[in-house]
C-alpha atoms as a PDB file:
ATOM      1  CA  UNK A   1      14.307  -3.223   6.103  1.00  0.00           C
ATOM      2  CA  UNK A   2      15.816  -2.695   9.533  1.00  0.00           C
ATOM      3  CA  UNK A   3      19.323  -1.408  10.024  1.00  0.00           C
ATOM      4  CA  UNK A   4      20.443  -4.933  10.810  1.00  0.00           C
ATOM      5  CA  UNK A   5      19.121  -7.193   7.993  1.00  0.00           C
ATOM      6  CA  UNK A   6      17.417 -10.436   8.916  1.00  0.00           C
ATOM      7  CA  UNK A   7      19.116 -13.644   7.844  1.00  0.00           C
ATOM      8  CA  UNK A   8      17.322 -16.527   6.209  1.00  0.00           C
ATOM      9  CA  UNK A   9      18.522 -20.118   5.779  1.00  0.00           C
ATOM     10  CA  UNK A  10      17.101 -21.635   2.581  1.00  0.00           C
ATOM     11  CA  UNK A  11      17.237 -25.455   2.648  1.00  0.00           C
ATOM     12  CA  UNK A  12      16.249 -26.714  -0.795  1.00  0.00           C
ATOM     13  CA  UNK A  13      17.937 -29.320  -3.008  1.00  0.00           C
ATOM     14  CA  UNK A  14      16.218 -28.119  -6.203  1.00  0.00           C
ATOM     15  CA  UNK A  15      18.815 -25.689  -7.611  1.00  0.00           C
ATOM     16  CA  UNK A  16      16.329 -23.713  -9.687  1.00  0.00           C
ATOM     17  CA  UNK A  17      13.943 -23.110  -6.796  1.00  0.00           C
ATOM     18  CA  UNK A  18      16.798 -22.431  -4.364  1.00  0.00           C
ATOM     19  CA  UNK A  19      18.211 -19.772  -6.735  1.00  0.00           C
ATOM     20  CA  UNK A  20      14.767 -18.211  -7.282  1.00  0.00           C
ATOM     21  CA  UNK A  21      14.138 -17.911  -3.553  1.00  0.00           C
ATOM     22  CA  UNK A  22      17.653 -16.682  -2.868  1.00  0.00           C
ATOM     23  CA  UNK A  23      17.482 -13.944  -5.575  1.00  0.00           C
ATOM     24  CA  UNK A  24      14.120 -12.670  -4.355  1.00  0.00           C
ATOM     25  CA  UNK A  25      15.017 -12.756  -0.677  1.00  0.00           C
ATOM     26  CA  UNK A  26      18.279 -10.908  -1.404  1.00  0.00           C
ATOM     27  CA  UNK A  27      16.438  -8.309  -3.469  1.00  0.00           C
ATOM     28  CA  UNK A  28      14.190  -7.705  -0.441  1.00  0.00           C
ATOM     29  CA  UNK A  29      17.258  -7.031   1.681  1.00  0.00           C
ATOM     30  CA  UNK A  30      17.703 -10.323   3.547  1.00  0.00           C
ATOM     31  CA  UNK A  31      21.003 -12.117   4.090  1.00  0.00           C
ATOM     32  CA  UNK A  32      20.655 -15.595   2.657  1.00  0.00           C
ATOM     33  CA  UNK A  33      22.429 -18.790   3.569  1.00  0.00           C
ATOM     34  CA  UNK A  34      21.908 -21.838   1.369  1.00  0.00           C
ATOM     35  CA  UNK A  35      21.975 -25.588   1.990  1.00  0.00           C
ATOM     36  CA  UNK A  36      21.235 -28.443  -0.425  1.00  0.00           C
ATOM     37  CA  UNK A  37      20.885 -31.292   2.128  1.00  0.00           C
ATOM     38  CA  UNK A  38      19.894 -31.890   5.693  1.00  0.00           C
ATOM     39  CA  UNK A  39      23.386 -32.283   7.122  1.00  0.00           C
ATOM     40  CA  UNK A  40      24.584 -29.006   5.651  1.00  0.00           C
ATOM     41  CA  UNK A  41      21.403 -27.373   6.914  1.00  0.00           C
ATOM     42  CA  UNK A  42      22.102 -28.304  10.511  1.00  0.00           C
ATOM     43  CA  UNK A  43      25.737 -27.184  10.252  1.00  0.00           C
ATOM     44  CA  UNK A  44      24.638 -23.821   8.840  1.00  0.00           C
ATOM     45  CA  UNK A  45      21.920 -23.417  11.431  1.00  0.00           C
ATOM     46  CA  UNK A  46      24.388 -23.971  14.271  1.00  0.00           C
ATOM     47  CA  UNK A  47      27.121 -21.824  12.839  1.00  0.00           C
ATOM     48  CA  UNK A  48      25.050 -18.909  11.362  1.00  0.00           C
ATOM     49  CA  UNK A  49      22.058 -18.788  13.740  1.00  0.00           C
ATOM     50  CA  UNK A  50      19.630 -17.562  11.080  1.00  0.00           C
ATOM     51  CA  UNK A  51      16.497 -15.594  11.986  1.00  0.00           C
ATOM     52  CA  UNK A  52      14.285 -17.770   9.766  1.00  0.00           C
ATOM     53  CA  UNK A  53      14.583 -21.231   8.221  1.00  0.00           C
ATOM     54  CA  UNK A  54      12.926 -22.162   4.916  1.00  0.00           C
ATOM     55  CA  UNK A  55      12.938 -25.963   4.965  1.00  0.00           C
ATOM     56  CA  UNK A  56      12.052 -28.411   2.164  1.00  0.00           C
ATOM     57  CA  UNK A  57      10.900 -31.841   3.229  1.00  0.00           C
ATOM     58  CA  UNK A  58      12.456 -34.062   0.524  1.00  0.00           C
ATOM     59  CA  UNK A  59      16.186 -33.599   1.141  1.00  0.00           C
ATOM     60  CA  UNK A  60      19.215 -35.891   0.595  1.00  0.00           C
ATOM     61  CA  UNK A  61      21.258 -37.210   3.541  1.00  0.00           C
ATOM     62  CA  UNK A  62      18.730 -36.040   6.155  1.00  0.00           C
ATOM     63  CA  UNK A  63      15.133 -35.156   5.349  1.00  0.00           C
ATOM     64  CA  UNK A  64      13.329 -32.014   6.447  1.00  0.00           C
ATOM     65  CA  UNK A  65      11.438 -33.808   9.226  1.00  0.00           C
ATOM     66  CA  UNK A  66      14.632 -34.909  10.904  1.00  0.00           C
ATOM     67  CA  UNK A  67      16.187 -31.450  10.437  1.00  0.00           C
ATOM     68  CA  UNK A  68      13.133 -29.823  12.015  1.00  0.00           C
ATOM     69  CA  UNK A  69      13.197 -32.349  14.863  1.00  0.00           C
ATOM     70  CA  UNK A  70      16.887 -31.672  15.563  1.00  0.00           C
ATOM     71  CA  UNK A  71      16.486 -27.926  15.496  1.00  0.00           C
ATOM     72  CA  UNK A  72      13.466 -28.043  17.851  1.00  0.00           C
ATOM     73  CA  UNK A  73      15.483 -30.013  20.387  1.00  0.00           C
ATOM     74  CA  UNK A  74      17.825 -27.068  20.625  1.00  0.00           C
ATOM     75  CA  UNK A  75      15.665 -24.079  19.769  1.00  0.00           C
ATOM     76  CA  UNK A  76      11.917 -23.486  20.221  1.00  0.00           C
ATOM     77  CA  UNK A  77      11.941 -19.934  18.943  1.00  0.00           C
ATOM     78  CA  UNK A  78      13.504 -19.613  15.476  1.00  0.00           C
ATOM     79  CA  UNK A  79      10.605 -19.872  12.982  1.00  0.00           C
ATOM     80  CA  UNK A  80      10.603 -22.714  10.498  1.00  0.00           C
ATOM     81  CA  UNK A  81       8.578 -22.474   7.243  1.00  0.00           C
ATOM     82  CA  UNK A  82       8.290 -25.844   5.538  1.00  0.00           C
ATOM     83  CA  UNK A  83       7.858 -26.420   1.849  1.00  0.00           C
ATOM     84  CA  UNK A  84       5.643 -29.362   0.903  1.00  0.00           C
ATOM     85  CA  UNK A  85       4.390 -30.999  -2.314  1.00  0.00           C
ATOM     86  CA  UNK A  86       0.630 -30.499  -2.990  1.00  0.00           C
ATOM     87  CA  UNK A  87      -0.320 -34.142  -2.520  1.00  0.00           C
ATOM     88  CA  UNK A  88       1.535 -34.641   0.794  1.00  0.00           C
ATOM     89  CA  UNK A  89      -1.214 -33.729   3.280  1.00  0.00           C
ATOM     90  CA  UNK A  90       0.294 -36.050   5.867  1.00  0.00           C
ATOM     91  CA  UNK A  91       3.593 -34.206   5.517  1.00  0.00           C
ATOM     92  CA  UNK A  92       1.951 -30.933   6.491  1.00  0.00           C
ATOM     93  CA  UNK A  93       0.521 -32.395   9.643  1.00  0.00           C
ATOM     94  CA  UNK A  94       3.717 -34.154  10.666  1.00  0.00           C
ATOM     95  CA  UNK A  95       5.833 -31.068  10.024  1.00  0.00           C
ATOM     96  CA  UNK A  96       3.595 -28.900  12.163  1.00  0.00           C
ATOM     97  CA  UNK A  97       3.607 -31.524  14.920  1.00  0.00           C
ATOM     98  CA  UNK A  98       7.390 -31.611  14.877  1.00  0.00           C
ATOM     99  CA  UNK A  99       7.449 -27.868  15.574  1.00  0.00           C
ATOM    100  CA  UNK A 100       7.363 -26.132  12.167  1.00  0.00           C
ATOM    101  CA  UNK A 101       5.571 -22.805  12.457  1.00  0.00           C
ATOM    102  CA  UNK A 102       3.951 -22.907   9.029  1.00  0.00           C
ATOM    103  CA  UNK A 103       4.074 -24.530   5.593  1.00  0.00           C
ATOM    104  CA  UNK A 104       3.713 -23.541   1.947  1.00  0.00           C
ATOM    105  CA  UNK A 105       2.486 -25.909  -0.693  1.00  0.00           C
ATOM    106  CA  UNK A 106       4.380 -26.220  -3.992  1.00  0.00           C
ATOM    107  CA  UNK A 107       3.990 -24.706  -6.462  1.00  0.00           C
ATOM    108  CA  UNK A 108       3.550 -21.300  -4.793  1.00  0.00           C
ATOM    109  CA  UNK A 109       3.903 -17.726  -6.046  1.00  0.00           C
ATOM    110  CA  UNK A 110       7.012 -15.778  -5.139  1.00  0.00           C
ATOM    111  CA  UNK A 111       4.765 -12.829  -4.172  1.00  0.00           C
ATOM    112  CA  UNK A 112       2.920 -14.964  -1.616  1.00  0.00           C
ATOM    113  CA  UNK A 113       6.242 -16.448  -0.351  1.00  0.00           C
ATOM    114  CA  UNK A 114       7.727 -13.011   0.266  1.00  0.00           C
ATOM    115  CA  UNK A 115       4.580 -11.832   1.941  1.00  0.00           C
ATOM    116  CA  UNK A 116       4.715 -14.850   4.249  1.00  0.00           C
ATOM    117  CA  UNK A 117       8.339 -14.111   5.144  1.00  0.00           C
ATOM    118  CA  UNK A 118       7.502 -10.513   5.914  1.00  0.00           C
ATOM    119  CA  UNK A 119       4.570 -11.607   8.089  1.00  0.00           C
ATOM    120  CA  UNK A 120       6.863 -13.906  10.022  1.00  0.00           C
ATOM    121  CA  UNK A 121       9.333 -11.123  10.747  1.00  0.00           C
ATOM    122  CA  UNK A 122       6.491  -8.753  11.747  1.00  0.00           C
ATOM    123  CA  UNK A 123       5.307 -11.286  14.267  1.00  0.00           C
ATOM    124  CA  UNK A 124       8.857 -11.743  15.553  1.00  0.00           C
ATOM    125  CA  UNK A 125       9.191  -8.007  16.098  1.00  0.00           C
ATOM    126  CA  UNK A 126       5.822  -7.836  17.873  1.00  0.00           C
ATOM    127  CA  UNK A 127       6.808 -10.725  20.120  1.00  0.00           C
ATOM    128  CA  UNK A 128      10.082  -9.085  20.959  1.00  0.00           C
ATOM    129  CA  UNK A 129       8.324  -5.849  21.902  1.00  0.00           C
ATOM    130  CA  UNK A 130       5.889  -7.824  24.016  1.00  0.00           C
ATOM    131  CA  UNK A 131       8.777  -9.536  25.912  1.00  0.00           C
ATOM    132  CA  UNK A 132      10.429  -6.120  26.485  1.00  0.00           C
ATOM    133  CA  UNK A 133       7.228  -4.602  27.877  1.00  0.00           C
ATOM    134  CA  UNK A 134       6.029  -5.233  31.422  1.00  0.00           C
ATOM    135  CA  UNK A 135       5.672  -8.925  32.006  1.00  0.00           C
ATOM    136  CA  UNK A 136       2.414 -10.458  33.266  1.00  0.00           C
ATOM    137  CA  UNK A 137       1.407 -13.561  35.156  1.00  0.00           C
ATOM    138  CA  UNK A 138      -1.785 -14.912  33.605  1.00  0.00           C
ATOM    139  CA  UNK A 139      -3.691 -17.602  35.444  1.00  0.00           C
ATOM    140  CA  UNK A 140      -6.745 -19.692  34.572  1.00  0.00           C
ATOM    141  CA  UNK A 141      -7.609 -22.790  36.594  1.00  0.00           C
ATOM    142  CA  UNK A 142      -4.361 -24.802  36.873  1.00  0.00           C
ATOM    143  CA  UNK A 143      -2.780 -23.069  33.869  1.00  0.00           C
ATOM    144  CA  UNK A 144      -0.334 -20.229  34.335  1.00  0.00           C
ATOM    145  CA  UNK A 145       1.572 -18.090  31.732  1.00  0.00           C
ATOM    146  CA  UNK A 146       4.548 -15.927  32.548  1.00  0.00           C
ATOM    147  CA  UNK A 147       4.680 -13.563  29.575  1.00  0.00           C
ATOM    148  CA  UNK A 148       8.074 -12.119  30.500  1.00  0.00           C
ATOM    149  CA  UNK A 149       9.760 -15.568  30.388  1.00  0.00           C
ATOM    150  CA  UNK A 150       7.314 -17.032  27.809  1.00  0.00           C
ATOM    151  CA  UNK A 151       6.783 -20.021  30.111  1.00  0.00           C
ATOM    152  CA  UNK A 152       3.653 -22.005  30.636  1.00  0.00           C
ATOM    153  CA  UNK A 153       2.930 -24.302  33.590  1.00  0.00           C
ATOM    154  CA  UNK A 154       0.117 -26.703  34.308  1.00  0.00           C
ATOM    155  CA  UNK A 155      -0.307 -27.794  37.886  1.00  0.00           C
ATOM    156  CA  UNK A 156       3.001 -25.948  38.487  1.00  0.00           C
ATOM    157  CA  UNK A 157       4.770 -28.201  35.979  1.00  0.00           C
ATOM    158  CA  UNK A 158       6.497 -26.629  32.977  1.00  0.00           C
ATOM    159  CA  UNK A 159       4.788 -27.338  29.617  1.00  0.00           C
ATOM    160  CA  UNK A 160       7.033 -27.541  26.543  1.00  0.00           C
ATOM    161  CA  UNK A 161       5.355 -25.376  23.853  1.00  0.00           C
ATOM    162  CA  UNK A 162       6.506 -24.251  20.452  1.00  0.00           C
ATOM    163  CA  UNK A 163       6.487 -20.565  19.705  1.00  0.00           C
ATOM    164  CA  UNK A 164       3.155 -20.683  17.821  1.00  0.00           C
ATOM    165  CA  UNK A 165       1.532 -22.859  20.468  1.00  0.00           C
ATOM    166  CA  UNK A 166       2.551 -20.349  23.070  1.00  0.00           C
ATOM    167  CA  UNK A 167       1.196 -17.417  21.016  1.00  0.00           C
ATOM    168  CA  UNK A 168      -2.113 -19.194  20.438  1.00  0.00           C
ATOM    169  CA  UNK A 169      -2.544 -20.027  24.133  1.00  0.00           C
ATOM    170  CA  UNK A 170      -1.705 -16.447  25.173  1.00  0.00           C
ATOM    171  CA  UNK A 171      -4.256 -15.030  22.674  1.00  0.00           C
ATOM    172  CA  UNK A 172      -6.922 -17.340  24.055  1.00  0.00           C
ATOM    173  CA  UNK A 173      -5.930 -16.559  27.682  1.00  0.00           C
ATOM    174  CA  UNK A 174      -6.434 -12.839  27.094  1.00  0.00           C
ATOM    175  CA  UNK A 175      -9.799 -13.360  25.455  1.00  0.00           C
ATOM    176  CA  UNK A 176     -11.744 -15.925  27.517  1.00  0.00           C
ATOM    177  CA  UNK A 177     -15.068 -16.935  25.996  1.00  0.00           C
ATOM    178  CA  UNK A 178     -14.432 -15.180  22.701  1.00  0.00           C
ATOM    179  CA  UNK A 179     -14.889 -17.255  19.528  1.00  0.00           C
ATOM    180  CA  UNK A 180     -12.178 -16.897  16.922  1.00  0.00           C
ATOM    181  CA  UNK A 181     -12.475 -18.055  13.326  1.00  0.00           C
ATOM    182  CA  UNK A 182      -9.518 -19.860  11.829  1.00  0.00           C
ATOM    183  CA  UNK A 183      -8.857 -16.832   9.614  1.00  0.00           C
ATOM    184  CA  UNK A 184      -8.800 -14.566  12.666  1.00  0.00           C
ATOM    185  CA  UNK A 185      -6.314 -16.844  14.348  1.00  0.00           C
ATOM    186  CA  UNK A 186      -4.123 -16.962  11.256  1.00  0.00           C
ATOM    187  CA  UNK A 187      -4.109 -13.159  11.155  1.00  0.00           C
ATOM    188  CA  UNK A 188      -3.497 -12.685  14.862  1.00  0.00           C
ATOM    189  CA  UNK A 189      -0.871 -15.406  15.391  1.00  0.00           C
ATOM    190  CA  UNK A 190       0.746 -15.903  12.001  1.00  0.00           C
ATOM    191  CA  UNK A 191       0.282 -12.427  10.589  1.00  0.00           C
ATOM    192  CA  UNK A 192      -1.577 -13.486   7.440  1.00  0.00           C
ATOM    193  CA  UNK A 193      -4.710 -15.225   6.212  1.00  0.00           C
ATOM    194  CA  UNK A 194      -4.823 -17.192   2.984  1.00  0.00           C
ATOM    195  CA  UNK A 195      -7.503 -19.550   1.771  1.00  0.00           C
ATOM    196  CA  UNK A 196      -6.607 -23.159   2.230  1.00  0.00           C
ATOM    197  CA  UNK A 197      -4.228 -22.745   5.220  1.00  0.00           C
ATOM    198  CA  UNK A 198      -6.735 -23.435   8.044  1.00  0.00           C
ATOM    199  CA  UNK A 199      -5.008 -26.773   8.475  1.00  0.00           C
ATOM    200  CA  UNK A 200      -2.145 -24.810  10.050  1.00  0.00           C
ATOM    201  CA  UNK A 201      -4.508 -23.614  12.823  1.00  0.00           C
ATOM    202  CA  UNK A 202      -6.197 -27.039  13.327  1.00  0.00           C
ATOM    203  CA  UNK A 203      -2.897 -28.852  13.655  1.00  0.00           C
ATOM    204  CA  UNK A 204      -1.532 -26.438  16.189  1.00  0.00           C
ATOM    205  CA  UNK A 205      -4.782 -26.505  18.213  1.00  0.00           C
ATOM    206  CA  UNK A 206      -4.767 -30.327  18.267  1.00  0.00           C
ATOM    207  CA  UNK A 207      -1.128 -30.363  19.332  1.00  0.00           C
ATOM    208  CA  UNK A 208      -1.747 -27.730  22.019  1.00  0.00           C
ATOM    209  CA  UNK A 209      -4.719 -29.712  23.387  1.00  0.00           C
ATOM    210  CA  UNK A 210      -2.560 -32.819  23.895  1.00  0.00           C
ATOM    211  CA  UNK A 211      -0.308 -30.742  26.096  1.00  0.00           C
ATOM    212  CA  UNK A 212      -2.788 -28.912  28.271  1.00  0.00           C
ATOM    213  CA  UNK A 213      -5.997 -30.910  28.297  1.00  0.00           C
ATOM    214  CA  UNK A 214      -6.661 -33.828  30.651  1.00  0.00           C
ATOM    215  CA  UNK A 215      -8.712 -35.403  27.829  1.00  0.00           C
ATOM    216  CA  UNK A 216      -7.988 -33.811  24.434  1.00  0.00           C
ATOM    217  CA  UNK A 217     -11.104 -35.485  22.986  1.00  0.00           C
ATOM    218  CA  UNK A 218     -13.208 -33.620  25.556  1.00  0.00           C
ATOM    219  CA  UNK A 219     -11.320 -30.335  25.932  1.00  0.00           C
ATOM    220  CA  UNK A 220     -11.955 -28.021  28.848  1.00  0.00           C
ATOM    221  CA  UNK A 221      -9.750 -25.087  27.916  1.00  0.00           C
ATOM    222  CA  UNK A 222      -9.814 -24.785  24.140  1.00  0.00           C
ATOM    223  CA  UNK A 223     -13.283 -25.510  22.858  1.00  0.00           C
ATOM    224  CA  UNK A 224     -14.496 -25.997  19.270  1.00  0.00           C
ATOM    225  CA  UNK A 225     -17.198 -23.631  18.114  1.00  0.00           C
ATOM    226  CA  UNK A 226     -18.842 -25.526  15.253  1.00  0.00           C
ATOM    227  CA  UNK A 227     -19.103 -23.500  12.065  1.00  0.00           C
ATOM    228  CA  UNK A 228     -16.848 -20.804  13.479  1.00  0.00           C
ATOM    229  CA  UNK A 229     -13.575 -21.937  14.952  1.00  0.00           C
ATOM    230  CA  UNK A 230     -12.348 -22.073  18.570  1.00  0.00           C
ATOM    231  CA  UNK A 231     -12.719 -20.310  21.843  1.00  0.00           C
ATOM    232  CA  UNK A 232     -11.182 -20.415  25.329  1.00  0.00           C
ATOM    233  CA  UNK A 233     -13.342 -21.395  28.356  1.00  0.00           C
ATOM    234  CA  UNK A 234     -14.744 -18.454  30.250  1.00  0.00           C
ATOM    235  CA  UNK A 235     -14.720 -17.824  34.033  1.00  0.00           C
ATOM    236  CA  UNK A 236     -18.096 -19.439  34.601  1.00  0.00           C
ATOM    237  CA  UNK A 237     -16.935 -22.636  32.914  1.00  0.00           C
ATOM    238  CA  UNK A 238     -13.787 -22.505  35.000  1.00  0.00           C
ATOM    239  CA  UNK A 239     -15.873 -22.513  38.181  1.00  0.00           C
ATOM    240  CA  UNK A 240     -17.849 -25.510  36.919  1.00  0.00           C
ATOM    241  CA  UNK A 241     -14.619 -27.330  36.231  1.00  0.00           C
ATOM    242  CA  UNK A 242     -13.131 -26.591  39.645  1.00  0.00           C
END
């Protein structure tokens, strides 16, 4: 662990699971804050400013969706890892659309959970180093990325992106024409690749398309490569689109 331990807010109303997560996170050197309901979660988030939020969906007083929505109104950066029940496929999609960075399906192994947390913090460190390095202005057609400010504009208008949407777009920008599999995108942007989590990539791509494409059903920038994954338009396609 680093000299200054990362802090994690665990929002879970199941006492047994909350204690299990807390014990294992503490053993790994993290500072843990705990909340049993959505109202307490927002209070702790605003007062403690955790580095990571572990957020269950089914919570008393204020559910996880509303908590996620409120946090994202104030903060686009702090990662949110949502916990969902196995049968709640629609919950995964909605959580990601509201700005959650990732999800884990219950029941999950503690080993995988801790690996996911470590991957999140590795990505945070890499992003911080990138911001501290020389900033770049990346341009493609009417899209522009300022890597120093982590800002994206389309037709000179600011586009509101979540942290993962920004990282996906930047990766595509720097690799025009290259086809990425979903596993490659998970590894590059989320820092891990586990079977069954390609939905995370699909949901973020769909959300990103609604923000940058004139017609998301006929995307110009982020194109589907059937049987593989996705790729960004290349320079030749940019000329054709001009």
